[in-house]
């Protein structure tokens, strides 16, 4: 049994959208793309996309569910 690896991609550019699609194809890896919400009609790379910021470092840590050192 392998552990699922999770990747948080802070995206928004065309390159980030392409990178998210490529990461999503890797077996055993789950990708979440976070978009800042500055674009009116953003290209959403997958259903696992977060729109809007995290509210700084504290919000990012709270959302990740783990401590970041």
C-alpha atoms as a PDB file:
ATOM      1  CA  UNK A   1       0.000   0.000   0.000  1.00  0.00           C
ATOM      2  CA  UNK A   2       1.358   3.401  -0.950  1.00  0.00           C
ATOM      3  CA  UNK A   3       0.591   6.717   0.675  1.00  0.00           C
ATOM      4  CA  UNK A   4      -1.164   9.340  -1.416  1.00  0.00           C
ATOM      5  CA  UNK A   5       1.106  12.343  -1.912  1.00  0.00           C
ATOM      6  CA  UNK A   6      -0.563  15.747  -1.925  1.00  0.00           C
ATOM      7  CA  UNK A   7       0.695  18.780  -3.823  1.00  0.00           C
ATOM      8  CA  UNK A   8      -0.576  22.327  -3.304  1.00  0.00           C
ATOM      9  CA  UNK A   9       0.122  24.415  -6.387  1.00  0.00           C
ATOM     10  CA  UNK A  10      -0.194  28.162  -6.005  1.00  0.00           C
ATOM     11  CA  UNK A  11      -1.207  28.845  -9.562  1.00  0.00           C
ATOM     12  CA  UNK A  12      -2.829  31.292 -11.868  1.00  0.00           C
ATOM     13  CA  UNK A  13      -0.599  31.419 -14.915  1.00  0.00           C
ATOM     14  CA  UNK A  14      -0.875  29.311 -18.031  1.00  0.00           C
ATOM     15  CA  UNK A  15       2.280  27.473 -16.947  1.00  0.00           C
ATOM     16  CA  UNK A  16       0.709  26.642 -13.577  1.00  0.00           C
ATOM     17  CA  UNK A  17      -2.445  25.306 -15.259  1.00  0.00           C
ATOM     18  CA  UNK A  18      -0.314  23.047 -17.474  1.00  0.00           C
ATOM     19  CA  UNK A  19       1.777  21.929 -14.483  1.00  0.00           C
ATOM     20  CA  UNK A  20      -1.373  21.057 -12.501  1.00  0.00           C
ATOM     21  CA  UNK A  21      -2.628  18.906 -15.377  1.00  0.00           C
ATOM     22  CA  UNK A  22       0.691  17.078 -15.603  1.00  0.00           C
ATOM     23  CA  UNK A  23       0.908  16.481 -11.849  1.00  0.00           C
ATOM     24  CA  UNK A  24      -2.670  15.140 -11.838  1.00  0.00           C
ATOM     25  CA  UNK A  25      -1.556  12.386 -14.242  1.00  0.00           C
ATOM     26  CA  UNK A  26       1.038  11.013 -11.800  1.00  0.00           C
ATOM     27  CA  UNK A  27      -0.273   7.882 -10.046  1.00  0.00           C
ATOM     28  CA  UNK A  28      -0.487   8.280  -6.268  1.00  0.00           C
ATOM     29  CA  UNK A  29      -0.374  12.079  -6.373  1.00  0.00           C
ATOM     30  CA  UNK A  30      -3.271  14.428  -5.678  1.00  0.00           C
ATOM     31  CA  UNK A  31      -2.943  18.066  -6.711  1.00  0.00           C
ATOM     32  CA  UNK A  32      -4.907  21.048  -5.430  1.00  0.00           C
ATOM     33  CA  UNK A  33      -4.517  24.306  -7.319  1.00  0.00           C
ATOM     34  CA  UNK A  34      -5.088  27.537  -5.442  1.00  0.00           C
ATOM     35  CA  UNK A  35      -6.020  30.600  -7.478  1.00  0.00           C
ATOM     36  CA  UNK A  36      -5.933  34.040  -5.864  1.00  0.00           C
ATOM     37  CA  UNK A  37      -9.319  34.987  -7.322  1.00  0.00           C
ATOM     38  CA  UNK A  38      -8.095  38.092  -9.154  1.00  0.00           C
ATOM     39  CA  UNK A  39      -9.392  36.966 -12.566  1.00  0.00           C
ATOM     40  CA  UNK A  40     -13.098  37.274 -13.381  1.00  0.00           C
ATOM     41  CA  UNK A  41     -13.278  34.030 -15.360  1.00  0.00           C
ATOM     42  CA  UNK A  42     -10.249  31.942 -14.384  1.00  0.00           C
ATOM     43  CA  UNK A  43      -9.280  28.751 -16.149  1.00  0.00           C
ATOM     44  CA  UNK A  44      -9.928  26.109 -13.493  1.00  0.00           C
ATOM     45  CA  UNK A  45      -7.559  23.148 -14.024  1.00  0.00           C
ATOM     46  CA  UNK A  46      -9.634  20.573 -12.092  1.00  0.00           C
ATOM     47  CA  UNK A  47     -12.465  20.182  -9.625  1.00  0.00           C
ATOM     48  CA  UNK A  48      -9.828  20.241  -6.888  1.00  0.00           C
ATOM     49  CA  UNK A  49      -9.260  23.984  -7.190  1.00  0.00           C
ATOM     50  CA  UNK A  50      -9.464  26.600  -4.467  1.00  0.00           C
ATOM     51  CA  UNK A  51     -10.496  30.143  -5.405  1.00  0.00           C
ATOM     52  CA  UNK A  52      -9.405  32.968  -3.123  1.00  0.00           C
ATOM     53  CA  UNK A  53      -6.444  33.377  -0.853  1.00  0.00           C
ATOM     54  CA  UNK A  54      -5.708  31.687   2.436  1.00  0.00           C
ATOM     55  CA  UNK A  55      -5.464  34.858   4.526  1.00  0.00           C
ATOM     56  CA  UNK A  56      -1.718  34.690   4.995  1.00  0.00           C
ATOM     57  CA  UNK A  57       0.553  32.081   6.553  1.00  0.00           C
ATOM     58  CA  UNK A  58      -1.820  31.275   9.446  1.00  0.00           C
ATOM     59  CA  UNK A  59      -4.676  30.549   7.020  1.00  0.00           C
ATOM     60  CA  UNK A  60      -2.442  28.386   4.854  1.00  0.00           C
ATOM     61  CA  UNK A  61      -1.312  26.348   7.854  1.00  0.00           C
ATOM     62  CA  UNK A  62      -4.908  25.973   9.102  1.00  0.00           C
ATOM     63  CA  UNK A  63      -6.069  24.830   5.659  1.00  0.00           C
ATOM     64  CA  UNK A  64      -3.241  22.349   5.201  1.00  0.00           C
ATOM     65  CA  UNK A  65      -4.098  20.493   8.402  1.00  0.00           C
ATOM     66  CA  UNK A  66      -0.459  20.184   9.407  1.00  0.00           C
ATOM     67  CA  UNK A  67       2.256  22.337  10.855  1.00  0.00           C
ATOM     68  CA  UNK A  68       4.801  23.927   8.566  1.00  0.00           C
ATOM     69  CA  UNK A  69       8.242  24.536  10.040  1.00  0.00           C
END
